[in-house]
N, C-alpha and C. Protein backbone atom coordinates (compact mmCIF):
# COMPACT_ATOMS: atom_id res chain seq x y z
N UNK A 1 1.05 -1.48 0.03
CA UNK A 1 -0.08 -0.10 -0.03
C UNK A 1 1.15 1.39 -0.31
N UNK A 2 0.71 2.31 -0.61
CA UNK A 2 1.23 3.43 -0.76
C UNK A 2 1.31 4.07 0.13
N UNK A 3 2.36 4.52 0.58
CA UNK A 3 2.51 5.68 1.90
C UNK A 3 1.45 6.91 1.84
N UNK A 4 1.38 7.46 0.81
CA UNK A 4 0.73 8.48 0.48
C UNK A 4 -0.77 8.25 1.21
N UNK A 5 -1.20 7.13 0.65
CA UNK A 5 -2.71 6.77 1.18
C UNK A 5 -2.65 6.72 2.57
N UNK A 6 -1.79 5.92 2.99
CA UNK A 6 -1.93 5.79 4.69
C UNK A 6 -1.72 7.48 5.42
N UNK A 7 -0.81 8.07 4.58
CA UNK A 7 -0.84 9.68 5.15
C UNK A 7 -2.32 10.48 4.93
N UNK A 8 -2.92 10.21 3.56
CA UNK A 8 -4.15 10.85 3.21
C UNK A 8 -5.43 10.34 4.47
N UNK A 9 -5.01 9.28 4.71
CA UNK A 9 -6.24 8.50 5.54
C UNK A 9 -6.09 8.98 7.03
N UNK A 10 -4.69 9.59 7.50
CA UNK A 10 -4.14 9.90 8.60
C UNK A 10 -4.86 11.20 9.22
N UNK A 11 -4.50 12.14 7.69
CA UNK A 11 -4.97 13.39 7.75
C UNK A 11 -6.53 13.62 7.91
N UNK A 12 -7.07 12.32 7.31
CA UNK A 12 -8.54 12.61 7.35
C UNK A 12 -9.26 12.22 8.82
N UNK A 13 -8.62 11.24 9.22
CA UNK A 13 -8.90 11.03 10.58
C UNK A 13 -8.67 11.95 11.71
N UNK A 14 -7.79 12.60 11.29
CA UNK A 14 -7.32 13.73 12.61
C UNK A 14 -8.28 14.68 12.47
N UNK A 15 -8.52 15.30 11.24
CA UNK A 15 -9.62 15.92 10.82
C UNK A 15 -11.03 15.95 10.96
N UNK A 16 -11.35 14.63 11.18
CA UNK A 16 -12.50 13.97 11.53
C UNK A 16 -13.00 13.88 12.97
N UNK A 17 -11.46 13.66 13.79
CA UNK A 17 -11.62 13.85 15.17
C UNK A 17 -11.48 15.37 15.95
N UNK A 18 -11.21 15.96 15.41
CA UNK A 18 -11.05 17.62 15.39
C UNK A 18 -12.58 18.14 15.34
N UNK A 19 -13.39 17.42 14.38
CA UNK A 19 -14.60 18.30 14.11
C UNK A 19 -15.51 17.30 15.24
N UNK A 20 -15.12 16.08 15.57
CA UNK A 20 -16.21 15.38 16.41
C UNK A 20 -15.64 15.86 17.68
N UNK A 21 -14.92 16.16 18.33
CA UNK A 21 -14.36 16.47 19.90
C UNK A 21 -14.10 17.87 20.12
N UNK A 22 -14.33 19.07 19.08
CA UNK A 22 -13.92 20.21 18.98
C UNK A 22 -12.76 20.62 19.58
N UNK A 23 -11.67 19.53 19.64
CA UNK A 23 -10.25 19.68 19.97
C UNK A 23 -9.14 20.03 18.84
N UNK A 24 -8.05 20.23 19.19
CA UNK A 24 -7.45 20.60 18.05
C UNK A 24 -6.17 19.92 18.19
N UNK A 25 -6.24 18.71 17.70
CA UNK A 25 -5.46 17.85 18.16
C UNK A 25 -5.69 16.10 17.29
N UNK A 26 -5.06 15.39 17.59
CA UNK A 26 -4.91 13.84 17.30
C UNK A 26 -5.75 13.06 17.88
N UNK A 27 -6.31 11.94 17.96
CA UNK A 27 -6.87 10.83 18.87
C UNK A 27 -5.59 10.39 19.23
N UNK A 28 -5.74 9.67 20.26
CA UNK A 28 -4.87 8.58 20.87
C UNK A 28 -3.95 7.94 19.74
N UNK A 29 -2.94 7.27 19.85
CA UNK A 29 -2.43 6.75 18.87
C UNK A 29 -2.76 5.47 18.48
N UNK A 30 -3.50 4.42 19.44
CA UNK A 30 -4.49 3.18 19.38
C UNK A 30 -5.55 3.65 18.21
N UNK A 31 -6.05 4.42 18.75
CA UNK A 31 -7.71 5.17 17.96
C UNK A 31 -7.38 5.77 16.78
N UNK A 32 -5.98 6.11 16.47
CA UNK A 32 -5.51 6.91 15.16
C UNK A 32 -5.38 5.58 14.41
N UNK A 33 -4.63 4.50 14.91
CA UNK A 33 -3.95 3.80 14.29
C UNK A 33 -5.40 2.63 13.75
N UNK A 34 -6.56 2.53 14.57
CA UNK A 34 -7.37 1.61 14.72
C UNK A 34 -8.20 2.36 13.02
N UNK A 35 -8.28 3.68 13.42
CA UNK A 35 -9.48 4.35 12.10
C UNK A 35 -8.36 4.23 10.94
N UNK A 36 -7.38 4.71 10.83
CA UNK A 36 -6.60 4.38 9.47
C UNK A 36 -6.73 3.27 9.07
N UNK A 37 -6.49 1.76 9.77
CA UNK A 37 -6.50 0.96 9.25
C UNK A 37 -8.10 0.40 8.99
N UNK A 38 -8.61 0.78 9.46
CA UNK A 38 -10.09 0.91 8.85
C UNK A 38 -10.61 1.20 7.75
N UNK A 39 -10.03 2.49 7.24
CA UNK A 39 -10.09 3.31 6.05
C UNK A 39 -9.31 2.19 4.85
N UNK A 40 -7.94 1.76 5.30
CA UNK A 40 -7.14 1.28 4.36
C UNK A 40 -7.70 -0.18 3.87
N UNK A 41 -8.52 -0.77 4.72
CA UNK A 41 -9.12 -2.08 4.44
C UNK A 41 -9.92 -2.18 3.49
N UNK A 42 -10.71 -1.19 3.26
CA UNK A 42 -12.06 -0.44 2.53
C UNK A 42 -11.36 -0.21 1.40
N UNK A 43 -11.67 -0.63 0.05
CA UNK A 43 -11.37 -0.10 -1.09
C UNK A 43 -11.94 1.53 -1.63
N UNK A 44 -13.40 1.11 -1.02
CA UNK A 44 -13.96 2.61 -1.24
C UNK A 44 -13.73 3.68 -0.62
N UNK A 45 -13.39 3.06 0.80
CA UNK A 45 -13.03 4.33 1.58
C UNK A 45 -11.81 4.67 1.39
N UNK A 46 -11.02 3.98 0.77
CA UNK A 46 -9.36 4.77 0.40
C UNK A 46 -9.51 5.38 -0.91
N UNK A 47 -10.52 5.05 -1.84
CA UNK A 47 -10.70 5.86 -2.82
C UNK A 47 -11.43 7.18 -2.40
N UNK A 48 -12.28 7.13 -1.67
CA UNK A 48 -13.07 8.47 -1.37
C UNK A 48 -12.09 9.49 -0.31
N UNK A 49 -10.87 8.48 0.58
CA UNK A 49 -10.17 9.50 0.97
C UNK A 49 -8.81 10.18 -0.08
N UNK A 50 -8.98 9.30 -0.90
CA UNK A 50 -7.90 9.61 -1.86
C UNK A 50 -8.21 10.91 -3.09
N UNK A 51 -9.82 10.74 -2.89
CA UNK A 51 -10.50 11.86 -3.74
C UNK A 51 -10.88 13.36 -2.72
N UNK A 52 -10.97 12.70 -1.36
CA UNK A 52 -10.86 14.22 -0.48
C UNK A 52 -9.67 14.65 -0.43
N UNK A 53 -8.46 13.95 -0.50
CA UNK A 53 -7.28 14.75 -0.18
C UNK A 53 -6.73 15.68 -1.70
N UNK A 54 -7.39 14.80 -2.88
CA UNK A 54 -7.23 15.62 -3.77
C UNK A 54 -7.73 16.91 -3.92
N UNK A 55 -8.79 17.32 -3.09
CA UNK A 55 -9.68 18.23 -3.17
C UNK A 55 -9.13 19.59 -2.32
N UNK A 56 -8.26 19.12 -1.01
CA UNK A 56 -7.58 19.97 -0.34
C UNK A 56 -6.57 19.91 -0.21
N UNK A 57 -5.49 20.57 0.34
CA UNK A 57 -4.12 20.70 0.54
C UNK A 57 -3.51 20.15 1.71
N UNK A 58 -3.47 18.93 2.11
CA UNK A 58 -3.47 18.61 3.52
C UNK A 58 -1.95 18.43 4.00
N UNK A 59 -1.05 18.86 2.96
CA UNK A 59 0.22 18.91 3.56
C UNK A 59 0.61 20.59 3.78
N UNK A 60 0.01 21.13 3.96
CA UNK A 60 0.10 22.78 4.23
C UNK A 60 -0.70 23.16 5.30
N UNK A 61 0.26 24.00 6.02
CA UNK A 61 -0.73 24.48 7.51
C UNK A 61 -0.98 25.86 6.88
N UNK A 62 -2.03 25.93 7.63
CA UNK A 62 -2.89 27.42 6.87
C UNK A 62 -3.54 28.15 8.32
N UNK A 63 -3.50 29.43 8.51
CA UNK A 63 -4.08 30.09 9.41
C UNK A 63 -5.78 30.18 9.46
N UNK A 64 -6.05 29.81 7.84
CA UNK A 64 -7.58 29.79 7.61
C UNK A 64 -8.17 28.87 8.28
N UNK A 65 -9.47 29.27 8.94
CA UNK A 65 -10.09 28.21 9.65
C UNK A 65 -10.51 26.93 8.57
N UNK A 66 -9.90 25.79 9.24
CA UNK A 66 -10.54 24.14 8.32
C UNK A 66 -11.78 24.19 7.87
N UNK A 67 -11.78 23.61 6.59
CA UNK A 67 -12.78 23.65 5.83
C UNK A 67 -13.63 22.35 6.51
N UNK A 68 -14.97 22.69 6.67
CA UNK A 68 -15.65 21.28 7.00
C UNK A 68 -15.30 20.15 6.27
N UNK A 69 -15.29 18.83 6.85
CA UNK A 69 -15.52 17.51 5.82
C UNK A 69 -16.56 17.60 5.28
N UNK A 70 -17.06 17.24 4.05
CA UNK A 70 -18.08 16.69 3.35
C UNK A 70 -19.11 15.63 4.15
N UNK A 71 -20.22 15.96 4.45
CA UNK A 71 -20.84 14.93 5.25
C UNK A 71 -21.35 14.10 4.15
N UNK A 72 -20.64 12.87 4.02
CA UNK A 72 -21.03 12.07 2.72
C UNK A 72 -20.70 10.42 3.47
N UNK A 73 -20.62 9.51 2.53
CA UNK A 73 -20.80 7.97 3.24
C UNK A 73 -19.52 7.77 3.54
N UNK A 74 -18.15 8.74 3.26
CA UNK A 74 -17.26 8.28 3.93
C UNK A 74 -17.07 8.77 5.18
N UNK A 75 -17.69 10.15 5.57
CA UNK A 75 -17.54 10.70 6.87
C UNK A 75 -18.43 9.69 7.78
N UNK A 76 -19.91 9.43 7.20
CA UNK A 76 -20.71 8.59 8.09
C UNK A 76 -19.95 7.42 8.74
N UNK A 77 -19.37 6.52 7.59
CA UNK A 77 -18.85 5.28 7.87
C UNK A 77 -17.56 5.37 8.71
N UNK A 78 -16.56 6.15 9.01
CA UNK A 78 -15.54 6.67 9.50
C UNK A 78 -16.02 7.19 10.77
N UNK A 79 -17.04 8.04 10.79
CA UNK A 79 -17.44 8.74 12.30
C UNK A 79 -18.07 7.48 12.80
N UNK A 80 -18.72 6.75 12.28
CA UNK A 80 -19.12 5.67 13.26
C UNK A 80 -18.14 4.73 13.94
N UNK A 81 -17.46 4.54 12.76
CA UNK A 81 -16.36 3.64 13.35
C UNK A 81 -15.29 4.29 14.81
N UNK A 82 -15.16 5.59 14.54
CA UNK A 82 -14.25 6.30 15.33
C UNK A 82 -15.36 6.45 16.73
N UNK A 83 -16.73 6.47 16.60
CA UNK A 83 -17.24 6.45 17.51
C UNK A 83 -17.38 5.27 18.64
N UNK A 84 -17.43 4.45 17.95
CA UNK A 84 -17.18 2.77 18.18
C UNK A 84 -15.75 2.65 18.71
N UNK A 85 -14.84 2.80 18.20
CA UNK A 85 -13.42 2.66 19.11
C UNK A 85 -13.11 3.71 20.12
N UNK A 86 -13.82 4.89 20.01
CA UNK A 86 -13.69 5.95 21.29
C UNK A 86 -14.48 5.68 22.65
N UNK A 87 -15.50 5.54 22.36
CA UNK A 87 -16.61 5.69 23.38
C UNK A 87 -16.68 6.97 23.37
N UNK A 88 -17.83 7.21 24.02
CA UNK A 88 -18.49 8.79 24.30
C UNK A 88 -18.02 9.02 25.70
N UNK A 89 -16.65 10.18 24.98
CA UNK A 89 -16.14 10.78 26.33
C UNK A 89 -17.21 11.91 27.08
N UNK A 90 -17.03 12.03 28.06
CA UNK A 90 -18.04 12.56 29.03
C UNK A 90 -18.16 14.20 28.39
N UNK A 91 -19.56 14.74 28.55
CA UNK A 91 -19.31 15.67 27.87
C UNK A 91 -19.35 16.04 26.45
N UNK A 92 -19.32 15.03 25.48
CA UNK A 92 -19.23 15.16 24.35
C UNK A 92 -20.09 14.92 23.35
N UNK A 93 -20.39 15.28 22.03
CA UNK A 93 -21.44 15.18 21.24
C UNK A 93 -21.25 14.02 20.05
N UNK A 94 -20.32 13.07 20.69
CA UNK A 94 -20.05 12.25 19.54
C UNK A 94 -21.21 11.23 19.33
N UNK A 95 -22.10 11.08 19.83
CA UNK A 95 -23.29 10.43 19.51
C UNK A 95 -24.30 10.89 18.65
N UNK A 96 -24.25 12.45 18.45
CA UNK A 96 -25.00 13.04 17.87
C UNK A 96 -24.64 13.42 16.20
N UNK A 97 -25.61 13.74 15.60
CA UNK A 97 -25.18 14.12 14.10
C UNK A 97 -24.65 15.65 14.43
N UNK A 98 -23.50 15.63 13.37
CA UNK A 98 -22.69 16.64 13.07
C UNK A 98 -23.65 18.36 13.20
N UNK A 99 -23.22 19.15 13.99
CA UNK A 99 -24.11 20.59 13.67
C UNK A 99 -23.27 21.29 12.51
N UNK A 100 -24.33 21.50 11.67
CA UNK A 100 -23.67 22.31 10.73
C UNK A 100 -23.84 23.80 10.88
C-alpha cells in the first residue's frame, strides 16, 4: 500500500476527530491507527479519502479556519467507526449528528 494513501487516511482521521471533539489535536495513537486501518481495509473508503485529499491541501499548514469535511458516505462510515472505538467521552457530542 502506498505511503501517501496512509498519510491521506491519517489526515482525514485527524480532521474528523477535531470536528467530533472540538479539540485541536489527534486522537490517541491506538484510536488513530485503528481508524486509519479501517479506511485502508476498504477499497471504497481508500478511494474516497484519496478524492478528499486531492480536493484539499493536506500537506500545508494554514491560518485560515479548516474547511468542514463533506457529510458523505466516507464521513458517516469513518465517524461511526471512530465513535465505536473511542466510546463517548463525558460531555462530548460524539453520538449526535454533527452540527452544521
